[in-house]
Amino acid sequence: MVLNRVVDTDAAELHDLIDNPRVQQYLPAYLFEKQSDDPSETIQQLYGDLFTNKKSIIMAIRVKETGELAGLAEIYGLRDHLHKASIGYRVRECWWGHGFATEAARLMVGYLYGETEIEIITASTMVENEASAHVLEKADFIRTARYVEEDWGYPEPTIVDKWFC
């Protein structure tokens, strides 16, 4: 797999990712790609203010052989003064079980520790999302806290596990 820029031709696959309730069930309500009903508009805005101001870097997870969009990888929550960042990922259902999330997590960790001044990398998973917990374990994350309340944009706090790499 390859991580690179999301482009206009990814609109149909991005719509598939955003519109699938099974994919979205364990994701925050406020994700950038959920803010517009038009995937093409979302793609145009991905590398604007969000990217420029280091609020979030969202990359395409691609099938190396075909270039197809398998999902999204994200580096967010950058805190320069703390040398800290968080990572996240979401994969289209048709690509579940192929190792894309694990490889994306490993690539982001490798980049952040190897090419930046980041010293702390965190992630959060809903407690019932065992598949994502398994991904983080395979990417050498350690669960550091269980059953923590976080604001994921839903009416009630989301109960999550916190991870550190």
N, C-alpha and C. Protein backbone atom coordinates (compact mmCIF):
# COMPACT_ATOMS: atom_id res chain seq x y z
N MET A 1 0.82 -1.17 0.00
CA MET A 1 0.00 0.00 0.00
C MET A 1 0.87 1.23 0.00
N VAL A 2 0.24 2.34 -0.34
CA VAL A 2 0.93 3.62 -0.46
C VAL A 2 0.08 4.68 0.24
N LEU A 3 0.74 5.62 0.90
CA LEU A 3 0.06 6.80 1.44
C LEU A 3 0.42 7.98 0.56
N ASN A 4 -0.59 8.70 0.07
CA ASN A 4 -0.32 9.90 -0.70
C ASN A 4 -1.55 10.80 -0.69
N ARG A 5 -1.57 11.78 -1.55
CA ARG A 5 -2.61 12.79 -1.58
C ARG A 5 -3.95 12.22 -2.09
N VAL A 6 -5.04 12.68 -1.50
CA VAL A 6 -6.37 12.37 -2.00
C VAL A 6 -6.62 13.29 -3.19
N VAL A 7 -7.09 12.72 -4.30
CA VAL A 7 -7.28 13.49 -5.54
C VAL A 7 -8.73 13.40 -6.02
N ASP A 8 -9.05 14.26 -6.98
CA ASP A 8 -10.43 14.34 -7.49
C ASP A 8 -11.00 13.00 -7.93
N THR A 9 -10.19 12.15 -8.53
CA THR A 9 -10.69 10.88 -9.03
C THR A 9 -11.03 9.89 -7.90
N ASP A 10 -10.77 10.27 -6.65
CA ASP A 10 -11.09 9.42 -5.49
C ASP A 10 -12.51 9.65 -4.98
N ALA A 11 -13.27 10.54 -5.61
CA ALA A 11 -14.58 10.94 -5.09
C ALA A 11 -15.52 9.75 -4.86
N ALA A 12 -15.62 8.83 -5.79
CA ALA A 12 -16.55 7.70 -5.63
C ALA A 12 -16.14 6.80 -4.47
N GLU A 13 -14.84 6.50 -4.36
CA GLU A 13 -14.37 5.66 -3.26
C GLU A 13 -14.50 6.39 -1.92
N LEU A 14 -14.26 7.70 -1.91
CA LEU A 14 -14.43 8.48 -0.69
C LEU A 14 -15.90 8.47 -0.26
N HIS A 15 -16.80 8.60 -1.21
CA HIS A 15 -18.23 8.52 -0.90
C HIS A 15 -18.56 7.16 -0.30
N ASP A 16 -18.01 6.09 -0.84
CA ASP A 16 -18.23 4.74 -0.32
C ASP A 16 -17.77 4.64 1.14
N LEU A 17 -16.65 5.26 1.46
CA LEU A 17 -16.10 5.24 2.82
C LEU A 17 -17.01 6.02 3.77
N ILE A 18 -17.41 7.21 3.35
CA ILE A 18 -18.21 8.10 4.21
C ILE A 18 -19.64 7.59 4.37
N ASP A 19 -20.18 7.00 3.34
CA ASP A 19 -21.60 6.63 3.33
C ASP A 19 -21.87 5.24 3.92
N ASN A 20 -20.85 4.52 4.33
CA ASN A 20 -21.04 3.17 4.84
C ASN A 20 -21.19 3.21 6.37
N PRO A 21 -22.38 2.91 6.89
CA PRO A 21 -22.58 2.96 8.34
C PRO A 21 -21.70 1.99 9.12
N ARG A 22 -21.33 0.87 8.52
CA ARG A 22 -20.45 -0.08 9.22
C ARG A 22 -19.05 0.51 9.40
N VAL A 23 -18.58 1.28 8.43
CA VAL A 23 -17.29 1.95 8.55
C VAL A 23 -17.39 3.07 9.57
N GLN A 24 -18.45 3.82 9.53
CA GLN A 24 -18.60 5.02 10.35
C GLN A 24 -18.98 4.75 11.81
N GLN A 25 -19.42 3.55 12.15
CA GLN A 25 -19.95 3.30 13.49
C GLN A 25 -18.95 3.55 14.61
N TYR A 26 -17.67 3.45 14.34
CA TYR A 26 -16.67 3.63 15.39
C TYR A 26 -15.84 4.90 15.20
N LEU A 27 -16.35 5.83 14.40
CA LEU A 27 -15.59 7.04 14.09
C LEU A 27 -16.26 8.28 14.67
N PRO A 28 -15.47 9.30 15.01
CA PRO A 28 -16.05 10.55 15.51
C PRO A 28 -17.01 11.18 14.50
N ALA A 29 -18.00 11.87 15.01
CA ALA A 29 -19.00 12.53 14.16
C ALA A 29 -18.42 13.73 13.43
N TYR A 30 -17.36 14.31 13.94
CA TYR A 30 -16.84 15.57 13.41
C TYR A 30 -15.72 15.39 12.38
N LEU A 31 -15.44 14.19 11.91
CA LEU A 31 -14.38 14.00 10.93
C LEU A 31 -14.56 14.93 9.74
N PHE A 32 -13.46 15.44 9.23
CA PHE A 32 -13.51 16.43 8.16
C PHE A 32 -14.31 15.95 6.96
N GLU A 33 -14.09 14.72 6.58
CA GLU A 33 -14.75 14.23 5.36
C GLU A 33 -16.26 14.07 5.53
N LYS A 34 -16.77 14.19 6.76
CA LYS A 34 -18.21 14.09 7.00
C LYS A 34 -18.90 15.45 6.95
N GLN A 35 -18.15 16.52 6.78
CA GLN A 35 -18.72 17.86 6.89
C GLN A 35 -19.44 18.33 5.62
N SER A 36 -19.27 17.64 4.53
CA SER A 36 -19.92 18.02 3.28
C SER A 36 -20.59 16.79 2.66
N ASP A 37 -21.69 17.01 1.99
CA ASP A 37 -22.36 15.91 1.29
C ASP A 37 -21.71 15.60 -0.05
N ASP A 38 -20.80 16.46 -0.47
CA ASP A 38 -20.16 16.34 -1.78
C ASP A 38 -18.69 15.92 -1.61
N PRO A 39 -18.36 14.65 -1.89
CA PRO A 39 -16.96 14.21 -1.74
C PRO A 39 -15.98 15.03 -2.55
N SER A 40 -16.39 15.52 -3.72
CA SER A 40 -15.48 16.34 -4.54
C SER A 40 -15.13 17.64 -3.82
N GLU A 41 -16.11 18.23 -3.16
CA GLU A 41 -15.87 19.46 -2.39
C GLU A 41 -14.93 19.17 -1.22
N THR A 42 -15.15 18.04 -0.56
CA THR A 42 -14.29 17.64 0.55
C THR A 42 -12.84 17.51 0.07
N ILE A 43 -12.63 16.86 -1.05
CA ILE A 43 -11.28 16.67 -1.59
C ILE A 43 -10.63 18.02 -1.86
N GLN A 44 -11.38 18.96 -2.41
CA GLN A 44 -10.83 20.28 -2.72
C GLN A 44 -10.39 21.01 -1.46
N GLN A 45 -11.06 20.75 -0.33
CA GLN A 45 -10.76 21.46 0.91
C GLN A 45 -9.74 20.75 1.81
N LEU A 46 -9.41 19.51 1.50
CA LEU A 46 -8.50 18.74 2.36
C LEU A 46 -7.15 19.41 2.57
N TYR A 47 -6.67 20.08 1.55
CA TYR A 47 -5.32 20.63 1.64
C TYR A 47 -5.33 22.15 1.73
N GLY A 48 -6.43 22.69 2.26
CA GLY A 48 -6.54 24.12 2.50
C GLY A 48 -6.11 24.44 3.92
N ASP A 49 -6.97 25.15 4.65
CA ASP A 49 -6.70 25.61 6.00
C ASP A 49 -6.36 24.46 6.94
N LEU A 50 -7.09 23.38 6.82
CA LEU A 50 -6.87 22.20 7.67
C LEU A 50 -5.42 21.74 7.59
N PHE A 51 -4.88 21.67 6.39
CA PHE A 51 -3.51 21.22 6.13
C PHE A 51 -2.50 22.32 6.45
N THR A 52 -2.75 23.52 5.96
CA THR A 52 -1.82 24.63 6.12
C THR A 52 -1.56 24.95 7.58
N ASN A 53 -2.61 24.92 8.38
CA ASN A 53 -2.47 25.26 9.80
C ASN A 53 -2.16 24.05 10.68
N LYS A 54 -1.78 22.94 10.06
CA LYS A 54 -1.39 21.72 10.76
C LYS A 54 -2.46 21.20 11.71
N LYS A 55 -3.73 21.45 11.37
CA LYS A 55 -4.81 20.90 12.19
C LYS A 55 -4.95 19.41 11.94
N SER A 56 -4.72 19.01 10.70
CA SER A 56 -4.87 17.62 10.32
C SER A 56 -4.23 17.39 8.96
N ILE A 57 -3.54 16.29 8.85
CA ILE A 57 -2.99 15.87 7.56
C ILE A 57 -3.70 14.57 7.21
N ILE A 58 -4.52 14.61 6.16
CA ILE A 58 -5.29 13.44 5.75
C ILE A 58 -4.71 12.93 4.44
N MET A 59 -4.38 11.65 4.44
CA MET A 59 -3.75 11.03 3.28
C MET A 59 -4.59 9.87 2.77
N ALA A 60 -4.46 9.60 1.50
CA ALA A 60 -5.11 8.43 0.91
C ALA A 60 -4.30 7.19 1.26
N ILE A 61 -5.01 6.14 1.65
CA ILE A 61 -4.42 4.81 1.76
C ILE A 61 -4.76 4.14 0.43
N ARG A 62 -3.75 3.81 -0.34
CA ARG A 62 -3.99 3.26 -1.69
C ARG A 62 -3.49 1.82 -1.83
N VAL A 63 -4.22 1.09 -2.65
CA VAL A 63 -3.77 -0.23 -3.08
C VAL A 63 -2.61 0.03 -4.04
N LYS A 64 -1.43 -0.47 -3.70
CA LYS A 64 -0.23 -0.16 -4.48
C LYS A 64 -0.36 -0.55 -5.95
N GLU A 65 -0.92 -1.72 -6.20
CA GLU A 65 -0.97 -2.23 -7.57
C GLU A 65 -1.95 -1.47 -8.46
N THR A 66 -3.04 -0.97 -7.90
CA THR A 66 -4.08 -0.35 -8.72
C THR A 66 -4.25 1.14 -8.49
N GLY A 67 -3.78 1.65 -7.36
CA GLY A 67 -3.97 3.05 -7.02
C GLY A 67 -5.34 3.35 -6.43
N GLU A 68 -6.17 2.33 -6.25
CA GLU A 68 -7.52 2.52 -5.71
C GLU A 68 -7.45 3.03 -4.27
N LEU A 69 -8.36 3.93 -3.92
CA LEU A 69 -8.46 4.44 -2.55
C LEU A 69 -9.04 3.36 -1.66
N ALA A 70 -8.24 2.88 -0.71
CA ALA A 70 -8.69 1.86 0.23
C ALA A 70 -9.19 2.49 1.52
N GLY A 71 -8.74 3.72 1.81
CA GLY A 71 -9.15 4.38 3.04
C GLY A 71 -8.41 5.68 3.22
N LEU A 72 -8.47 6.19 4.44
CA LEU A 72 -7.79 7.44 4.79
C LEU A 72 -6.93 7.22 6.03
N ALA A 73 -5.78 7.87 6.05
CA ALA A 73 -4.89 7.90 7.21
C ALA A 73 -4.78 9.35 7.63
N GLU A 74 -4.72 9.59 8.94
CA GLU A 74 -4.71 10.96 9.41
C GLU A 74 -3.73 11.16 10.56
N ILE A 75 -3.00 12.25 10.48
CA ILE A 75 -2.18 12.75 11.58
C ILE A 75 -2.88 14.02 12.05
N TYR A 76 -3.21 14.08 13.32
CA TYR A 76 -3.97 15.22 13.84
C TYR A 76 -3.52 15.53 15.27
N GLY A 77 -4.08 16.59 15.83
CA GLY A 77 -3.78 16.93 17.22
C GLY A 77 -2.33 17.28 17.44
N LEU A 78 -1.69 17.86 16.43
CA LEU A 78 -0.27 18.21 16.55
C LEU A 78 -0.09 19.27 17.62
N ARG A 79 0.79 18.99 18.56
CA ARG A 79 1.14 19.93 19.63
C ARG A 79 2.65 20.12 19.57
N ASP A 80 3.08 21.13 18.79
CA ASP A 80 4.51 21.36 18.59
C ASP A 80 5.27 21.48 19.91
N HIS A 81 4.73 22.25 20.85
CA HIS A 81 5.43 22.50 22.11
C HIS A 81 5.55 21.23 22.96
N LEU A 82 4.70 20.26 22.74
CA LEU A 82 4.76 18.98 23.46
C LEU A 82 5.43 17.88 22.63
N HIS A 83 5.70 18.18 21.36
CA HIS A 83 6.25 17.18 20.44
C HIS A 83 5.33 15.95 20.39
N LYS A 84 4.03 16.23 20.24
CA LYS A 84 3.00 15.20 20.30
C LYS A 84 2.08 15.28 19.10
N ALA A 85 1.61 14.12 18.65
CA ALA A 85 0.60 14.05 17.60
C ALA A 85 -0.23 12.79 17.82
N SER A 86 -1.39 12.76 17.20
CA SER A 86 -2.25 11.59 17.24
C SER A 86 -2.45 11.07 15.82
N ILE A 87 -2.77 9.80 15.72
CA ILE A 87 -3.03 9.22 14.41
C ILE A 87 -4.40 8.55 14.40
N GLY A 88 -4.95 8.43 13.19
CA GLY A 88 -6.19 7.71 13.00
C GLY A 88 -6.24 7.16 11.59
N TYR A 89 -7.18 6.30 11.34
CA TYR A 89 -7.31 5.66 10.03
C TYR A 89 -8.74 5.18 9.89
N ARG A 90 -9.19 5.05 8.67
CA ARG A 90 -10.46 4.44 8.34
C ARG A 90 -10.32 3.78 6.98
N VAL A 91 -10.86 2.59 6.88
CA VAL A 91 -10.67 1.77 5.67
C VAL A 91 -12.04 1.37 5.13
N ARG A 92 -12.18 1.45 3.82
CA ARG A 92 -13.41 1.01 3.16
C ARG A 92 -13.67 -0.46 3.49
N GLU A 93 -14.92 -0.81 3.69
CA GLU A 93 -15.28 -2.16 4.12
C GLU A 93 -14.76 -3.23 3.17
N CYS A 94 -14.75 -2.94 1.88
CA CYS A 94 -14.27 -3.95 0.92
C CYS A 94 -12.78 -4.26 1.10
N TRP A 95 -12.06 -3.45 1.87
CA TRP A 95 -10.64 -3.68 2.10
C TRP A 95 -10.33 -4.09 3.54
N TRP A 96 -11.36 -4.32 4.37
CA TRP A 96 -11.12 -4.80 5.73
C TRP A 96 -10.41 -6.15 5.68
N GLY A 97 -9.51 -6.35 6.62
CA GLY A 97 -8.82 -7.63 6.74
C GLY A 97 -7.61 -7.80 5.82
N HIS A 98 -7.24 -6.75 5.09
CA HIS A 98 -6.10 -6.83 4.18
C HIS A 98 -4.84 -6.16 4.75
N GLY A 99 -4.89 -5.67 5.98
CA GLY A 99 -3.71 -5.09 6.62
C GLY A 99 -3.47 -3.62 6.32
N PHE A 100 -4.39 -2.96 5.64
CA PHE A 100 -4.17 -1.56 5.28
C PHE A 100 -4.08 -0.64 6.50
N ALA A 101 -4.96 -0.83 7.49
CA ALA A 101 -4.94 0.03 8.67
C ALA A 101 -3.64 -0.15 9.45
N THR A 102 -3.22 -1.38 9.62
CA THR A 102 -1.97 -1.65 10.35
C THR A 102 -0.78 -1.04 9.63
N GLU A 103 -0.70 -1.25 8.34
CA GLU A 103 0.42 -0.69 7.58
C GLU A 103 0.40 0.83 7.59
N ALA A 104 -0.78 1.42 7.49
CA ALA A 104 -0.89 2.88 7.54
C ALA A 104 -0.42 3.40 8.90
N ALA A 105 -0.84 2.74 9.98
CA ALA A 105 -0.41 3.15 11.32
C ALA A 105 1.11 3.04 11.44
N ARG A 106 1.68 1.95 10.96
CA ARG A 106 3.14 1.77 11.04
C ARG A 106 3.88 2.84 10.22
N LEU A 107 3.35 3.15 9.03
CA LEU A 107 4.00 4.18 8.20
C LEU A 107 3.93 5.55 8.85
N MET A 108 2.79 5.89 9.44
CA MET A 108 2.68 7.19 10.11
C MET A 108 3.61 7.26 11.31
N VAL A 109 3.67 6.20 12.10
CA VAL A 109 4.58 6.18 13.25
C VAL A 109 6.03 6.29 12.79
N GLY A 110 6.40 5.54 11.77
CA GLY A 110 7.76 5.60 11.25
C GLY A 110 8.13 7.00 10.77
N TYR A 111 7.20 7.62 10.07
CA TYR A 111 7.44 8.98 9.58
C TYR A 111 7.57 9.96 10.76
N LEU A 112 6.62 9.92 11.67
CA LEU A 112 6.61 10.89 12.77
C LEU A 112 7.86 10.75 13.65
N TYR A 113 8.24 9.53 13.98
CA TYR A 113 9.43 9.34 14.82
C TYR A 113 10.73 9.51 14.04
N GLY A 114 10.73 9.18 12.77
CA GLY A 114 11.95 9.22 11.99
C GLY A 114 12.24 10.53 11.29
N GLU A 115 11.19 11.29 10.95
CA GLU A 115 11.38 12.48 10.12
C GLU A 115 10.93 13.78 10.78
N THR A 116 10.40 13.72 11.99
CA THR A 116 9.93 14.94 12.67
C THR A 116 10.48 14.97 14.09
N GLU A 117 10.11 15.98 14.83
CA GLU A 117 10.52 16.08 16.23
C GLU A 117 9.48 15.53 17.18
N ILE A 118 8.51 14.81 16.64
CA ILE A 118 7.47 14.20 17.48
C ILE A 118 8.09 13.15 18.39
N GLU A 119 7.71 13.20 19.67
CA GLU A 119 8.21 12.24 20.67
C GLU A 119 7.09 11.41 21.28
N ILE A 120 5.85 11.85 21.08
CA ILE A 120 4.70 11.16 21.65
C ILE A 120 3.65 10.99 20.56
N ILE A 121 3.22 9.76 20.34
CA ILE A 121 2.14 9.48 19.38
C ILE A 121 1.04 8.75 20.13
N THR A 122 -0.18 9.27 19.98
CA THR A 122 -1.32 8.68 20.65
C THR A 122 -2.40 8.29 19.64
N ALA A 123 -3.33 7.49 20.11
CA ALA A 123 -4.52 7.12 19.33
C ALA A 123 -5.63 6.82 20.32
N SER A 124 -6.86 6.87 19.86
CA SER A 124 -8.02 6.52 20.67
C SER A 124 -8.90 5.57 19.87
N THR A 125 -9.52 4.62 20.57
CA THR A 125 -10.47 3.71 19.93
C THR A 125 -11.69 3.58 20.83
N MET A 126 -12.87 3.49 20.23
CA MET A 126 -14.05 3.14 21.02
C MET A 126 -13.78 1.78 21.64
N VAL A 127 -14.20 1.60 22.89
CA VAL A 127 -13.87 0.35 23.59
C VAL A 127 -14.40 -0.89 22.87
N GLU A 128 -15.53 -0.76 22.17
CA GLU A 128 -16.09 -1.93 21.50
C GLU A 128 -15.45 -2.21 20.14
N ASN A 129 -14.54 -1.35 19.70
CA ASN A 129 -13.90 -1.54 18.40
C ASN A 129 -12.65 -2.42 18.54
N GLU A 130 -12.88 -3.70 18.66
CA GLU A 130 -11.79 -4.66 18.86
C GLU A 130 -10.86 -4.74 17.66
N ALA A 131 -11.40 -4.55 16.47
CA ALA A 131 -10.56 -4.62 15.27
C ALA A 131 -9.52 -3.50 15.28
N SER A 132 -9.92 -2.30 15.65
CA SER A 132 -8.97 -1.19 15.70
C SER A 132 -7.96 -1.37 16.82
N ALA A 133 -8.41 -1.92 17.95
CA ALA A 133 -7.48 -2.22 19.04
C ALA A 133 -6.41 -3.21 18.55
N HIS A 134 -6.82 -4.20 17.78
CA HIS A 134 -5.88 -5.19 17.24
C HIS A 134 -4.89 -4.53 16.28
N VAL A 135 -5.38 -3.61 15.45
CA VAL A 135 -4.51 -2.85 14.54
C VAL A 135 -3.43 -2.13 15.34
N LEU A 136 -3.82 -1.42 16.37
CA LEU A 136 -2.85 -0.65 17.16
C LEU A 136 -1.86 -1.56 17.88
N GLU A 137 -2.33 -2.68 18.39
CA GLU A 137 -1.41 -3.63 19.02
C GLU A 137 -0.37 -4.13 18.03
N LYS A 138 -0.80 -4.44 16.80
CA LYS A 138 0.14 -4.91 15.77
C LYS A 138 1.11 -3.81 15.36
N ALA A 139 0.71 -2.55 15.54
CA ALA A 139 1.57 -1.41 15.20
C ALA A 139 2.39 -0.95 16.41
N ASP A 140 2.46 -1.80 17.45
CA ASP A 140 3.28 -1.57 18.64
C ASP A 140 2.78 -0.46 19.56
N PHE A 141 1.49 -0.17 19.53
CA PHE A 141 0.90 0.74 20.49
C PHE A 141 0.59 -0.03 21.78
N ILE A 142 0.56 0.70 22.88
CA ILE A 142 0.22 0.14 24.18
C ILE A 142 -1.03 0.85 24.69
N ARG A 143 -2.00 0.07 25.13
CA ARG A 143 -3.21 0.67 25.72
C ARG A 143 -2.82 1.23 27.08
N THR A 144 -3.02 2.53 27.26
CA THR A 144 -2.59 3.19 28.50
C THR A 144 -3.75 3.56 29.41
N ALA A 145 -4.96 3.62 28.88
CA ALA A 145 -6.13 3.94 29.70
C ALA A 145 -7.37 3.30 29.07
N ARG A 146 -8.28 2.85 29.93
CA ARG A 146 -9.51 2.22 29.46
C ARG A 146 -10.71 3.01 29.95
N TYR A 147 -11.73 3.01 29.13
CA TYR A 147 -13.03 3.58 29.49
C TYR A 147 -12.94 5.07 29.86
N VAL A 148 -12.29 5.83 28.99
CA VAL A 148 -12.14 7.27 29.17
C VAL A 148 -13.24 7.98 28.38
N GLU A 149 -13.87 9.00 28.96
CA GLU A 149 -14.88 9.77 28.24
C GLU A 149 -14.20 10.81 27.36
N GLU A 150 -14.59 10.85 26.09
CA GLU A 150 -14.09 11.86 25.15
C GLU A 150 -15.26 12.43 24.37
N ASP A 151 -15.08 13.64 23.89
CA ASP A 151 -16.07 14.27 23.03
C ASP A 151 -15.75 13.91 21.59
N TRP A 152 -16.58 13.04 21.01
CA TRP A 152 -16.41 12.64 19.61
C TRP A 152 -17.50 13.24 18.74
N GLY A 153 -18.17 14.27 19.27
CA GLY A 153 -19.17 14.98 18.49
C GLY A 153 -20.57 14.38 18.58
N TYR A 154 -20.79 13.45 19.48
CA TYR A 154 -22.11 12.85 19.67
C TYR A 154 -22.78 13.51 20.88
N PRO A 155 -24.10 13.33 21.04
CA PRO A 155 -24.79 13.96 22.16
C PRO A 155 -24.23 13.54 23.53
N GLU A 156 -23.80 12.32 23.64
CA GLU A 156 -23.21 11.82 24.90
C GLU A 156 -21.72 11.59 24.71
N PRO A 157 -20.92 11.67 25.78
CA PRO A 157 -19.49 11.37 25.64
C PRO A 157 -19.28 9.96 25.10
N THR A 158 -18.22 9.80 24.33
CA THR A 158 -17.85 8.50 23.79
C THR A 158 -16.85 7.85 24.74
N ILE A 159 -17.04 6.59 25.02
CA ILE A 159 -16.16 5.85 25.92
C ILE A 159 -15.07 5.21 25.06
N VAL A 160 -13.81 5.56 25.35
CA VAL A 160 -12.70 5.13 24.51
C VAL A 160 -11.57 4.54 25.33
N ASP A 161 -10.72 3.83 24.63
CA ASP A 161 -9.43 3.41 25.17
C ASP A 161 -8.37 4.34 24.58
N LYS A 162 -7.36 4.67 25.36
CA LYS A 162 -6.28 5.54 24.93
C LYS A 162 -5.02 4.69 24.68
N TRP A 163 -4.30 5.04 23.62
CA TRP A 163 -3.14 4.26 23.19
C TRP A 163 -1.93 5.17 23.04
N PHE A 164 -0.75 4.59 23.26
CA PHE A 164 0.52 5.32 23.15
C PHE A 164 1.51 4.45 22.39
N CYS A 165 2.31 5.09 21.56
CA CYS A 165 3.36 4.35 20.84
C CYS A 165 4.69 5.06 21.08
